[in-house]
N, C-alpha and C. Protein backbone atom coordinates (compact mmCIF):
# COMPACT_ATOMS: atom_id res chain seq x y z
N UNK A 1 102.91 114.57 107.48
CA UNK A 1 103.36 113.22 107.15
C UNK A 1 104.62 113.31 106.29
N UNK A 2 105.69 112.66 106.71
CA UNK A 2 106.94 112.70 105.93
C UNK A 2 106.74 112.00 104.59
N UNK A 3 107.10 112.67 103.51
CA UNK A 3 106.93 112.08 102.20
C UNK A 3 108.18 112.32 101.38
N UNK A 4 108.27 111.58 100.27
CA UNK A 4 109.36 111.82 99.33
C UNK A 4 108.78 111.77 97.93
N UNK A 5 109.10 112.75 97.13
CA UNK A 5 108.62 112.81 95.75
C UNK A 5 109.66 112.18 94.83
N UNK A 6 109.21 111.40 93.88
CA UNK A 6 110.13 110.69 92.99
C UNK A 6 109.76 110.94 91.54
N UNK A 7 110.75 111.17 90.67
CA UNK A 7 110.45 111.18 89.23
C UNK A 7 109.85 109.83 88.86
N UNK A 8 109.00 109.81 87.85
CA UNK A 8 108.28 108.58 87.51
C UNK A 8 109.22 107.40 87.28
N UNK A 9 110.35 107.63 86.63
CA UNK A 9 111.26 106.54 86.34
C UNK A 9 111.82 105.92 87.61
N UNK A 10 111.91 106.70 88.69
CA UNK A 10 112.43 106.19 89.97
C UNK A 10 111.49 105.16 90.57
N UNK A 11 110.24 105.12 90.08
CA UNK A 11 109.27 104.15 90.59
C UNK A 11 109.71 102.72 90.30
N UNK A 12 110.60 102.56 89.33
CA UNK A 12 111.10 101.23 88.97
C UNK A 12 111.69 100.52 90.18
N UNK A 13 112.37 101.25 91.03
CA UNK A 13 113.05 100.62 92.17
C UNK A 13 112.07 100.10 93.22
N UNK A 14 110.82 100.58 93.19
CA UNK A 14 109.83 100.15 94.19
C UNK A 14 108.96 98.99 93.69
N UNK A 15 109.06 98.67 92.41
CA UNK A 15 108.17 97.68 91.80
C UNK A 15 108.91 96.42 91.36
N UNK A 16 108.21 95.29 91.33
CA UNK A 16 108.82 94.05 90.82
C UNK A 16 109.17 94.20 89.34
N UNK A 17 110.16 93.46 88.91
CA UNK A 17 110.59 93.49 87.52
C UNK A 17 109.43 93.18 86.58
N UNK A 18 109.28 93.98 85.54
CA UNK A 18 108.27 93.74 84.53
C UNK A 18 106.92 94.39 84.78
N UNK A 19 106.77 95.09 85.92
CA UNK A 19 105.47 95.67 86.26
C UNK A 19 105.40 97.17 86.03
N UNK A 20 106.54 97.82 85.80
CA UNK A 20 106.56 99.28 85.72
C UNK A 20 105.63 99.81 84.63
N UNK A 21 105.74 99.29 83.42
CA UNK A 21 104.93 99.81 82.31
C UNK A 21 103.44 99.61 82.57
N UNK A 22 103.07 98.48 83.16
CA UNK A 22 101.66 98.21 83.46
C UNK A 22 101.12 99.23 84.46
N UNK A 23 101.93 99.54 85.47
CA UNK A 23 101.52 100.49 86.51
C UNK A 23 101.44 101.91 85.96
N UNK A 24 102.45 102.30 85.22
CA UNK A 24 102.53 103.68 84.73
C UNK A 24 101.39 104.03 83.79
N UNK A 25 100.89 103.06 83.04
CA UNK A 25 99.79 103.38 82.13
C UNK A 25 98.55 103.82 82.91
N UNK A 26 98.32 103.25 84.10
CA UNK A 26 97.21 103.69 84.94
C UNK A 26 97.48 105.08 85.51
N UNK A 27 98.71 105.30 85.95
CA UNK A 27 99.06 106.59 86.55
C UNK A 27 98.91 107.73 85.55
N UNK A 28 99.35 107.49 84.33
CA UNK A 28 99.23 108.52 83.29
C UNK A 28 97.78 108.70 82.85
N UNK A 29 97.09 107.59 82.63
CA UNK A 29 95.73 107.66 82.13
C UNK A 29 94.80 108.42 83.08
N UNK A 30 94.98 108.19 84.39
CA UNK A 30 94.08 108.80 85.37
C UNK A 30 94.71 109.97 86.11
N UNK A 31 95.88 110.41 85.62
CA UNK A 31 96.55 111.59 86.19
C UNK A 31 96.69 111.47 87.71
N UNK A 32 97.36 110.41 88.13
CA UNK A 32 97.52 110.12 89.55
C UNK A 32 98.75 110.83 90.10
N UNK A 33 98.58 111.50 91.22
CA UNK A 33 99.71 112.04 91.96
C UNK A 33 100.12 110.98 92.98
N UNK A 34 101.22 110.28 92.71
CA UNK A 34 101.66 109.18 93.56
C UNK A 34 102.77 109.64 94.50
N UNK A 35 102.57 109.37 95.77
CA UNK A 35 103.54 109.75 96.79
C UNK A 35 104.03 108.51 97.53
N UNK A 36 105.34 108.42 97.70
CA UNK A 36 105.93 107.36 98.51
C UNK A 36 106.23 107.93 99.88
N UNK A 37 105.65 107.32 100.91
CA UNK A 37 105.78 107.85 102.27
C UNK A 37 106.70 106.98 103.11
N UNK A 38 107.06 107.52 104.26
CA UNK A 38 107.78 106.71 105.25
C UNK A 38 106.79 105.74 105.90
N UNK A 39 107.29 104.84 106.71
CA UNK A 39 106.47 103.79 107.32
C UNK A 39 105.34 104.39 108.15
N UNK A 40 104.12 103.85 107.93
CA UNK A 40 102.97 104.20 108.76
C UNK A 40 102.42 102.91 109.36
N UNK A 41 102.25 102.86 110.66
CA UNK A 41 101.82 101.63 111.31
C UNK A 41 100.36 101.29 111.01
N UNK A 42 99.53 102.31 110.83
CA UNK A 42 98.09 102.06 110.70
C UNK A 42 97.67 101.70 109.29
N UNK A 43 98.39 102.19 108.28
CA UNK A 43 98.02 101.92 106.89
C UNK A 43 99.26 101.63 106.05
N UNK A 44 99.05 100.90 104.96
CA UNK A 44 100.12 100.64 104.00
C UNK A 44 100.03 101.60 102.82
N UNK A 45 98.82 102.10 102.56
CA UNK A 45 98.60 103.05 101.49
C UNK A 45 97.25 103.70 101.64
N UNK A 46 97.00 104.77 100.88
CA UNK A 46 95.67 105.37 100.89
C UNK A 46 95.39 106.08 99.57
N UNK A 47 94.11 106.40 99.38
CA UNK A 47 93.66 107.03 98.14
C UNK A 47 92.73 108.20 98.47
N UNK A 48 92.92 109.32 97.75
CA UNK A 48 92.01 110.46 97.86
C UNK A 48 91.60 110.85 96.45
N UNK A 49 90.28 110.93 96.24
CA UNK A 49 89.80 111.19 94.88
C UNK A 49 90.05 112.64 94.47
N UNK A 50 90.02 112.84 93.19
CA UNK A 50 90.33 114.15 92.62
C UNK A 50 89.23 115.15 92.94
N UNK A 51 89.63 116.33 93.41
CA UNK A 51 88.70 117.43 93.55
C UNK A 51 88.69 118.25 92.27
N UNK A 52 87.95 119.33 92.27
CA UNK A 52 87.87 120.18 91.08
C UNK A 52 89.25 120.74 90.76
N UNK A 53 89.74 120.44 89.55
CA UNK A 53 91.03 120.95 89.12
C UNK A 53 92.23 120.28 89.76
N UNK A 54 91.99 119.17 90.46
CA UNK A 54 93.09 118.48 91.14
C UNK A 54 93.19 117.04 90.66
N UNK A 55 94.33 116.42 90.95
CA UNK A 55 94.57 115.04 90.55
C UNK A 55 94.11 114.06 91.62
N UNK A 56 93.89 112.81 91.19
CA UNK A 56 93.75 111.73 92.15
C UNK A 56 95.07 111.62 92.91
N UNK A 57 94.98 111.27 94.19
CA UNK A 57 96.20 111.15 95.00
C UNK A 57 96.25 109.77 95.66
N UNK A 58 97.39 109.11 95.47
CA UNK A 58 97.64 107.81 96.10
C UNK A 58 98.97 107.89 96.82
N UNK A 59 99.01 107.34 98.03
CA UNK A 59 100.29 107.22 98.74
C UNK A 59 100.50 105.77 99.13
N UNK A 60 101.75 105.33 99.08
CA UNK A 60 102.13 103.97 99.45
C UNK A 60 103.39 104.04 100.30
N UNK A 61 103.43 103.23 101.35
CA UNK A 61 104.61 103.22 102.22
C UNK A 61 105.84 102.74 101.45
N UNK A 62 106.93 103.49 101.57
CA UNK A 62 108.14 103.19 100.82
C UNK A 62 109.01 102.10 101.43
N UNK A 63 108.64 101.62 102.64
CA UNK A 63 109.46 100.59 103.29
C UNK A 63 109.00 99.17 102.92
N UNK A 64 107.98 99.06 102.07
CA UNK A 64 107.46 97.75 101.69
C UNK A 64 108.37 97.10 100.65
N UNK A 65 108.42 95.77 100.66
CA UNK A 65 109.17 95.11 99.59
C UNK A 65 108.41 95.30 98.28
N UNK A 66 109.05 94.99 97.17
CA UNK A 66 108.49 95.33 95.86
C UNK A 66 107.13 94.68 95.60
N UNK A 67 106.95 93.45 96.03
CA UNK A 67 105.68 92.77 95.79
C UNK A 67 104.58 93.37 96.66
N UNK A 68 104.88 93.65 97.91
CA UNK A 68 103.87 94.25 98.79
C UNK A 68 103.55 95.67 98.35
N UNK A 69 104.55 96.40 97.86
CA UNK A 69 104.32 97.76 97.33
C UNK A 69 103.33 97.70 96.17
N UNK A 70 103.55 96.76 95.25
CA UNK A 70 102.68 96.64 94.08
C UNK A 70 101.25 96.29 94.48
N UNK A 71 101.09 95.30 95.35
CA UNK A 71 99.74 94.88 95.76
C UNK A 71 99.02 96.01 96.47
N UNK A 72 99.74 96.75 97.31
CA UNK A 72 99.13 97.89 98.00
C UNK A 72 98.70 98.96 97.00
N UNK A 73 99.56 99.22 96.01
CA UNK A 73 99.23 100.20 94.98
C UNK A 73 98.00 99.77 94.18
N UNK A 74 97.90 98.50 93.85
CA UNK A 74 96.73 98.01 93.12
C UNK A 74 95.46 98.14 93.96
N UNK A 75 95.57 97.90 95.24
CA UNK A 75 94.43 98.08 96.17
C UNK A 75 93.91 99.51 96.08
N UNK A 76 94.83 100.47 96.09
CA UNK A 76 94.43 101.89 96.04
C UNK A 76 93.95 102.29 94.64
N UNK A 77 94.58 101.74 93.61
CA UNK A 77 94.11 102.00 92.24
C UNK A 77 92.67 101.51 92.05
N UNK A 78 92.34 100.41 92.71
CA UNK A 78 90.97 99.91 92.62
C UNK A 78 89.98 100.92 93.20
N UNK A 79 90.39 101.63 94.25
CA UNK A 79 89.53 102.70 94.80
C UNK A 79 89.34 103.81 93.77
N UNK A 80 90.42 104.16 93.10
CA UNK A 80 90.36 105.21 92.07
C UNK A 80 89.39 104.80 90.95
N UNK A 81 89.56 103.58 90.44
CA UNK A 81 88.73 103.11 89.34
C UNK A 81 87.26 103.00 89.76
N UNK A 82 87.03 102.63 91.02
CA UNK A 82 85.66 102.57 91.53
C UNK A 82 85.05 103.96 91.58
N UNK A 83 85.85 104.94 92.04
CA UNK A 83 85.35 106.32 92.09
C UNK A 83 85.07 106.85 90.69
N UNK A 84 85.96 106.54 89.75
CA UNK A 84 85.76 107.00 88.37
C UNK A 84 84.44 106.48 87.80
N UNK A 85 84.07 105.28 88.17
CA UNK A 85 82.87 104.66 87.61
C UNK A 85 81.60 104.98 88.40
N UNK A 86 81.73 105.05 89.74
CA UNK A 86 80.52 105.17 90.57
C UNK A 86 80.48 106.43 91.44
N UNK A 87 81.57 107.20 91.47
CA UNK A 87 81.61 108.36 92.36
C UNK A 87 81.50 107.92 93.81
N UNK A 88 80.75 108.67 94.60
CA UNK A 88 80.56 108.34 96.02
C UNK A 88 79.27 107.57 96.28
N UNK A 89 78.71 106.97 95.24
CA UNK A 89 77.41 106.32 95.37
C UNK A 89 77.46 104.89 95.87
N UNK A 90 78.69 104.34 96.06
CA UNK A 90 78.82 102.95 96.53
C UNK A 90 79.74 102.90 97.74
N UNK A 91 79.66 101.80 98.49
CA UNK A 91 80.52 101.62 99.66
C UNK A 91 81.98 101.52 99.25
N UNK A 92 82.85 102.04 100.11
CA UNK A 92 84.28 102.08 99.78
C UNK A 92 84.84 100.69 99.47
N UNK A 93 84.39 99.68 100.20
CA UNK A 93 84.87 98.32 99.97
C UNK A 93 83.72 97.38 99.64
N UNK A 94 82.76 97.92 98.92
CA UNK A 94 81.59 97.13 98.54
C UNK A 94 81.87 96.20 97.36
N UNK A 95 80.79 95.61 96.83
CA UNK A 95 80.93 94.63 95.76
C UNK A 95 81.56 95.23 94.50
N UNK A 96 81.29 96.53 94.27
CA UNK A 96 81.84 97.19 93.09
C UNK A 96 83.37 97.27 93.18
N UNK A 97 83.86 97.70 94.35
CA UNK A 97 85.31 97.78 94.56
C UNK A 97 85.94 96.39 94.48
N UNK A 98 85.31 95.40 95.11
CA UNK A 98 85.85 94.05 95.10
C UNK A 98 86.00 93.51 93.67
N UNK A 99 84.99 93.76 92.84
CA UNK A 99 85.04 93.28 91.46
C UNK A 99 86.17 93.96 90.68
N UNK A 100 86.32 95.27 90.86
CA UNK A 100 87.36 96.01 90.15
C UNK A 100 88.75 95.60 90.63
N UNK A 101 88.92 95.43 91.93
CA UNK A 101 90.21 95.00 92.49
C UNK A 101 90.56 93.61 91.99
N UNK A 102 89.57 92.72 91.96
CA UNK A 102 89.81 91.36 91.47
C UNK A 102 90.29 91.38 90.02
N UNK A 103 89.65 92.22 89.19
CA UNK A 103 90.05 92.31 87.79
C UNK A 103 91.47 92.84 87.64
N UNK A 104 91.84 93.81 88.49
CA UNK A 104 93.21 94.33 88.47
C UNK A 104 94.21 93.22 88.80
N UNK A 105 93.91 92.46 89.85
CA UNK A 105 94.81 91.37 90.26
C UNK A 105 94.92 90.33 89.16
N UNK A 106 93.79 89.98 88.55
CA UNK A 106 93.81 88.99 87.47
C UNK A 106 94.69 89.47 86.32
N UNK A 107 94.57 90.73 85.98
CA UNK A 107 95.37 91.31 84.90
C UNK A 107 96.86 91.14 85.17
N UNK A 108 97.29 91.42 86.39
CA UNK A 108 98.71 91.33 86.71
C UNK A 108 99.16 89.88 86.86
N UNK A 109 98.31 89.03 87.45
CA UNK A 109 98.67 87.62 87.59
C UNK A 109 98.84 86.96 86.22
N UNK A 110 98.00 87.33 85.26
CA UNK A 110 98.07 86.73 83.93
C UNK A 110 99.40 87.01 83.22
N UNK A 111 100.09 88.07 83.66
CA UNK A 111 101.39 88.38 83.06
C UNK A 111 102.53 87.56 83.69
N UNK A 112 102.18 86.69 84.64
CA UNK A 112 103.16 85.81 85.29
C UNK A 112 104.34 86.59 85.87
N UNK A 113 104.00 87.58 86.68
CA UNK A 113 104.99 88.47 87.25
C UNK A 113 105.35 88.12 88.69
N UNK A 114 104.61 87.17 89.28
CA UNK A 114 104.80 86.85 90.69
C UNK A 114 105.40 85.47 90.88
N UNK A 115 106.17 85.27 91.96
CA UNK A 115 106.62 83.92 92.31
C UNK A 115 105.40 83.02 92.58
N UNK A 116 105.55 81.71 92.44
CA UNK A 116 104.41 80.79 92.60
C UNK A 116 103.68 80.92 93.93
N UNK A 117 104.41 81.12 95.04
CA UNK A 117 103.73 81.18 96.34
C UNK A 117 102.87 82.43 96.47
N UNK A 118 103.34 83.56 95.92
CA UNK A 118 102.54 84.77 95.95
C UNK A 118 101.33 84.63 95.02
N UNK A 119 101.56 84.07 93.85
CA UNK A 119 100.45 83.88 92.90
C UNK A 119 99.36 83.01 93.52
N UNK A 120 99.75 81.97 94.22
CA UNK A 120 98.78 81.08 94.88
C UNK A 120 97.99 81.85 95.93
N UNK A 121 98.68 82.66 96.74
CA UNK A 121 98.00 83.44 97.78
C UNK A 121 97.07 84.49 97.17
N UNK A 122 97.45 85.04 96.02
CA UNK A 122 96.63 86.04 95.35
C UNK A 122 95.31 85.47 94.85
N UNK A 123 95.28 84.19 94.56
CA UNK A 123 94.04 83.59 94.06
C UNK A 123 92.90 83.75 95.06
N UNK A 124 93.20 83.66 96.35
CA UNK A 124 92.17 83.84 97.38
C UNK A 124 91.71 85.28 97.43
N UNK A 125 92.64 86.22 97.24
CA UNK A 125 92.27 87.63 97.23
C UNK A 125 91.41 87.96 96.01
N UNK A 126 91.68 87.29 94.90
CA UNK A 126 90.88 87.51 93.69
C UNK A 126 89.43 87.07 93.93
N UNK A 127 89.25 85.97 94.63
CA UNK A 127 87.90 85.44 94.90
C UNK A 127 87.15 86.31 95.89
N UNK A 128 87.85 86.75 96.96
CA UNK A 128 87.18 87.54 98.00
C UNK A 128 88.17 88.52 98.62
N UNK A 129 88.36 89.68 98.01
CA UNK A 129 89.32 90.67 98.52
C UNK A 129 88.92 91.17 99.91
N UNK A 130 89.93 91.43 100.75
CA UNK A 130 89.68 92.01 102.06
C UNK A 130 89.55 93.52 101.94
N UNK A 131 88.87 94.12 102.92
CA UNK A 131 88.60 95.56 102.89
C UNK A 131 89.87 96.40 103.04
N UNK A 132 90.88 95.88 103.71
CA UNK A 132 92.12 96.62 103.88
C UNK A 132 93.29 95.73 103.50
N UNK A 133 94.38 96.36 103.09
CA UNK A 133 95.58 95.58 102.77
C UNK A 133 96.04 94.78 103.98
N UNK A 134 95.91 95.38 105.17
CA UNK A 134 96.29 94.67 106.40
C UNK A 134 95.38 93.49 106.68
N UNK A 135 94.21 93.48 106.05
CA UNK A 135 93.27 92.39 106.26
C UNK A 135 93.60 91.14 105.47
N UNK A 136 94.50 91.25 104.52
CA UNK A 136 94.91 90.11 103.70
C UNK A 136 96.00 89.33 104.44
N UNK A 137 95.62 88.72 105.55
CA UNK A 137 96.62 88.12 106.44
C UNK A 137 97.47 87.06 105.76
N UNK A 138 96.83 86.08 105.14
CA UNK A 138 97.58 85.00 104.51
C UNK A 138 98.49 85.53 103.41
N UNK A 139 97.96 86.46 102.62
CA UNK A 139 98.76 87.04 101.54
C UNK A 139 99.95 87.81 102.09
N UNK A 140 99.73 88.61 103.13
CA UNK A 140 100.81 89.42 103.69
C UNK A 140 101.90 88.55 104.30
N UNK A 141 101.52 87.45 104.92
CA UNK A 141 102.53 86.55 105.51
C UNK A 141 103.44 85.99 104.41
N UNK A 142 102.86 85.73 103.24
CA UNK A 142 103.67 85.26 102.11
C UNK A 142 104.52 86.40 101.55
N UNK A 143 103.89 87.57 101.34
CA UNK A 143 104.61 88.71 100.78
C UNK A 143 105.82 89.08 101.63
N UNK A 144 105.68 89.02 102.93
CA UNK A 144 106.76 89.48 103.81
C UNK A 144 107.91 88.51 103.92
N UNK A 145 107.75 87.34 103.31
CA UNK A 145 108.90 86.44 103.19
C UNK A 145 109.93 87.03 102.23
N UNK A 146 109.51 88.03 101.44
CA UNK A 146 110.39 88.64 100.45
C UNK A 146 111.00 89.95 100.94
N UNK A 147 110.81 90.27 102.23
CA UNK A 147 111.46 91.46 102.80
C UNK A 147 112.97 91.28 102.74
N UNK A 148 113.67 92.29 102.28
CA UNK A 148 115.13 92.21 102.20
C UNK A 148 115.79 92.61 103.52
N UNK A 149 115.06 93.38 104.32
CA UNK A 149 115.59 93.81 105.62
C UNK A 149 114.72 93.22 106.72
N UNK A 150 115.24 92.22 107.40
CA UNK A 150 114.49 91.58 108.47
C UNK A 150 115.22 91.76 109.80
N UNK A 151 114.44 92.08 110.84
CA UNK A 151 115.02 92.22 112.17
C UNK A 151 115.32 90.83 112.74
N UNK A 152 116.54 90.64 113.17
CA UNK A 152 116.93 89.35 113.72
C UNK A 152 116.14 89.06 114.99
N UNK A 153 115.55 87.87 115.06
CA UNK A 153 114.80 87.47 116.24
C UNK A 153 113.34 87.89 116.22
N UNK A 154 112.91 88.60 115.16
CA UNK A 154 111.52 89.05 115.06
C UNK A 154 110.74 88.14 114.11
N UNK A 155 109.49 87.85 114.48
CA UNK A 155 108.64 86.97 113.69
C UNK A 155 107.20 87.48 113.72
N UNK A 156 106.41 87.17 112.69
CA UNK A 156 104.97 87.45 112.78
C UNK A 156 104.37 86.58 113.88
N UNK A 157 103.44 87.13 114.64
CA UNK A 157 102.83 86.37 115.73
C UNK A 157 102.23 85.06 115.23
N UNK A 158 101.70 85.06 114.02
CA UNK A 158 101.06 83.86 113.47
C UNK A 158 102.02 82.68 113.41
N UNK A 159 103.33 82.95 113.32
CA UNK A 159 104.31 81.87 113.18
C UNK A 159 104.78 81.32 114.53
N UNK A 160 104.39 81.96 115.63
CA UNK A 160 104.83 81.51 116.95
C UNK A 160 103.85 80.50 117.53
N UNK A 161 104.34 79.44 118.18
CA UNK A 161 103.44 78.49 118.84
C UNK A 161 102.69 79.15 119.99
N UNK A 162 101.48 78.69 120.25
CA UNK A 162 100.72 79.21 121.37
C UNK A 162 101.49 78.99 122.67
N UNK A 163 101.53 79.98 123.54
CA UNK A 163 102.27 79.90 124.80
C UNK A 163 103.65 80.53 124.72
N UNK A 164 104.10 80.90 123.53
CA UNK A 164 105.40 81.55 123.38
C UNK A 164 105.39 82.91 124.07
N UNK A 165 106.55 83.30 124.57
CA UNK A 165 106.72 84.61 125.19
C UNK A 165 107.39 85.53 124.17
N UNK A 166 106.80 86.71 123.98
CA UNK A 166 107.37 87.65 123.02
C UNK A 166 107.35 89.06 123.58
N UNK A 167 108.12 89.91 122.91
CA UNK A 167 108.25 91.31 123.34
C UNK A 167 107.91 92.22 122.16
N UNK A 168 107.17 93.28 122.45
CA UNK A 168 106.83 94.26 121.42
C UNK A 168 107.89 95.36 121.38
N UNK A 169 107.77 96.25 120.39
CA UNK A 169 108.76 97.31 120.22
C UNK A 169 108.84 98.24 121.43
N UNK A 170 107.74 98.39 122.17
CA UNK A 170 107.76 99.27 123.35
C UNK A 170 108.30 98.58 124.60
N UNK A 171 108.78 97.34 124.46
CA UNK A 171 109.42 96.65 125.57
C UNK A 171 108.50 95.81 126.43
N UNK A 172 107.20 95.81 126.15
CA UNK A 172 106.27 95.00 126.95
C UNK A 172 106.35 93.54 126.53
N UNK A 173 106.15 92.66 127.51
CA UNK A 173 106.27 91.22 127.28
C UNK A 173 104.91 90.55 127.38
N UNK A 174 104.65 89.62 126.47
CA UNK A 174 103.35 88.96 126.39
C UNK A 174 103.51 87.46 126.19
N UNK A 175 102.45 86.73 126.55
CA UNK A 175 102.36 85.31 126.21
C UNK A 175 101.29 85.17 125.13
N UNK A 176 101.64 84.47 124.07
CA UNK A 176 100.69 84.28 122.98
C UNK A 176 99.58 83.33 123.39
N UNK A 177 98.33 83.77 123.15
CA UNK A 177 97.18 82.94 123.45
C UNK A 177 96.52 82.41 122.20
N UNK A 178 95.26 82.03 122.34
CA UNK A 178 94.53 81.41 121.24
C UNK A 178 94.05 82.46 120.24
N UNK A 179 93.75 81.99 119.06
CA UNK A 179 93.22 82.87 118.02
C UNK A 179 91.73 83.07 118.25
N UNK A 180 91.31 84.32 118.23
CA UNK A 180 89.90 84.67 118.37
C UNK A 180 89.47 85.35 117.08
N UNK A 181 88.77 84.62 116.25
CA UNK A 181 88.39 85.08 114.92
C UNK A 181 89.66 85.42 114.12
N UNK A 182 89.93 86.71 113.86
CA UNK A 182 91.06 87.06 113.01
C UNK A 182 92.30 87.51 113.78
N UNK A 183 92.21 87.59 115.12
CA UNK A 183 93.33 88.11 115.91
C UNK A 183 93.68 87.14 117.02
N UNK A 184 94.90 87.31 117.59
CA UNK A 184 95.35 86.47 118.68
C UNK A 184 95.19 87.21 120.00
N UNK A 185 94.61 86.53 120.99
CA UNK A 185 94.46 87.10 122.32
C UNK A 185 95.71 86.75 123.13
N UNK A 186 96.44 87.78 123.58
CA UNK A 186 97.69 87.57 124.29
C UNK A 186 97.63 88.26 125.64
N UNK A 187 98.37 87.71 126.60
CA UNK A 187 98.35 88.23 127.97
C UNK A 187 99.67 88.91 128.28
N UNK A 188 99.60 90.15 128.76
CA UNK A 188 100.81 90.84 129.19
C UNK A 188 101.30 90.19 130.49
N UNK A 189 102.53 89.72 130.49
CA UNK A 189 103.03 88.93 131.62
C UNK A 189 103.12 89.74 132.91
N UNK A 190 103.34 91.03 132.83
CA UNK A 190 103.51 91.86 134.02
C UNK A 190 102.19 92.20 134.69
N UNK A 191 101.16 92.46 133.90
CA UNK A 191 99.89 92.94 134.45
C UNK A 191 98.76 91.92 134.37
N UNK A 192 98.89 90.92 133.50
CA UNK A 192 97.81 89.96 133.32
C UNK A 192 96.70 90.47 132.41
N UNK A 193 96.88 91.67 131.89
CA UNK A 193 95.87 92.24 130.99
C UNK A 193 95.93 91.56 129.63
N UNK A 194 94.76 91.45 129.00
CA UNK A 194 94.66 90.78 127.71
C UNK A 194 94.62 91.80 126.57
N UNK A 195 95.36 91.50 125.52
CA UNK A 195 95.40 92.37 124.34
C UNK A 195 95.22 91.49 123.11
N UNK A 196 94.66 92.07 122.04
CA UNK A 196 94.53 91.33 120.79
C UNK A 196 95.57 91.84 119.80
N UNK A 197 96.16 90.91 119.07
CA UNK A 197 97.22 91.24 118.11
C UNK A 197 96.85 90.70 116.73
N UNK A 198 97.19 91.49 115.72
CA UNK A 198 97.04 91.02 114.35
C UNK A 198 98.03 89.89 114.10
N UNK A 199 97.66 88.89 113.32
CA UNK A 199 98.58 87.78 113.01
C UNK A 199 99.87 88.23 112.36
N UNK A 200 99.85 89.38 111.68
CA UNK A 200 101.05 89.84 110.97
C UNK A 200 101.93 90.76 111.82
N UNK A 201 101.52 91.05 113.05
CA UNK A 201 102.35 91.89 113.93
C UNK A 201 103.71 91.22 114.14
N UNK A 202 104.79 91.95 113.91
CA UNK A 202 106.12 91.39 114.08
C UNK A 202 106.61 91.68 115.50
N UNK A 203 107.01 90.62 116.20
CA UNK A 203 107.41 90.73 117.61
C UNK A 203 108.71 89.98 117.81
N UNK A 204 109.39 90.31 118.91
CA UNK A 204 110.66 89.66 119.23
C UNK A 204 110.42 88.43 120.11
N UNK A 205 110.85 87.29 119.62
CA UNK A 205 110.67 86.06 120.37
C UNK A 205 111.60 86.03 121.58
N UNK A 206 111.03 85.82 122.76
CA UNK A 206 111.80 85.73 123.99
C UNK A 206 111.97 84.28 124.40
N UNK A 207 110.87 83.52 124.37
CA UNK A 207 110.93 82.11 124.75
C UNK A 207 109.87 81.36 123.97
N UNK A 208 110.29 80.32 123.26
CA UNK A 208 109.35 79.51 122.49
C UNK A 208 109.04 78.23 123.22
N UNK A 209 107.77 77.88 123.29
CA UNK A 209 107.39 76.64 123.96
C UNK A 209 107.69 75.47 123.05
N UNK A 210 107.89 74.31 123.65
CA UNK A 210 108.15 73.10 122.88
C UNK A 210 106.83 72.63 122.26
N UNK A 211 106.90 72.23 120.99
CA UNK A 211 105.69 71.74 120.31
C UNK A 211 105.81 70.26 119.98
């Protein structure tokens, strides 16, 4: 996995203003080996607990905007704190992790470090955190409004009207269908095969239906 190692002070560039000292106190206290990685499609970050004589290890994708980077890091820190308290005796995303993650979010929200729209979205995560960062659909849609590098013509599927025609990075073309629970069922125009897409999947709009 391609990675880049950064001196601790360089972490400032990946975090929102005013959050560096709050984050670093956790990293120092729990001796975290933090790695910034290149983009990974399947995960935004991960955590591996400390083995004998080794440090806790957390990795976060370096292509995330500062707010998404911070939230992803807090998600993984919650895993670390859960392990410190309970070891492997509880579920990875069980009630213990949810409570610890909620407390972390509350701590950062209380410092008024987030724009109002992100803070509002975080309130739902505080009440009922999702098992994965990618599972925080509403929150991620808000966070990604703060991306500094956006592909022209690309949008999250959730923002497209039903019936819109879109293209994925591999060149395949689909028609957006109805939402089925947490994902959208879409039909590949060439084959008629049905695929499910995450609401946050970014696709290139080809033709938008009139609403």
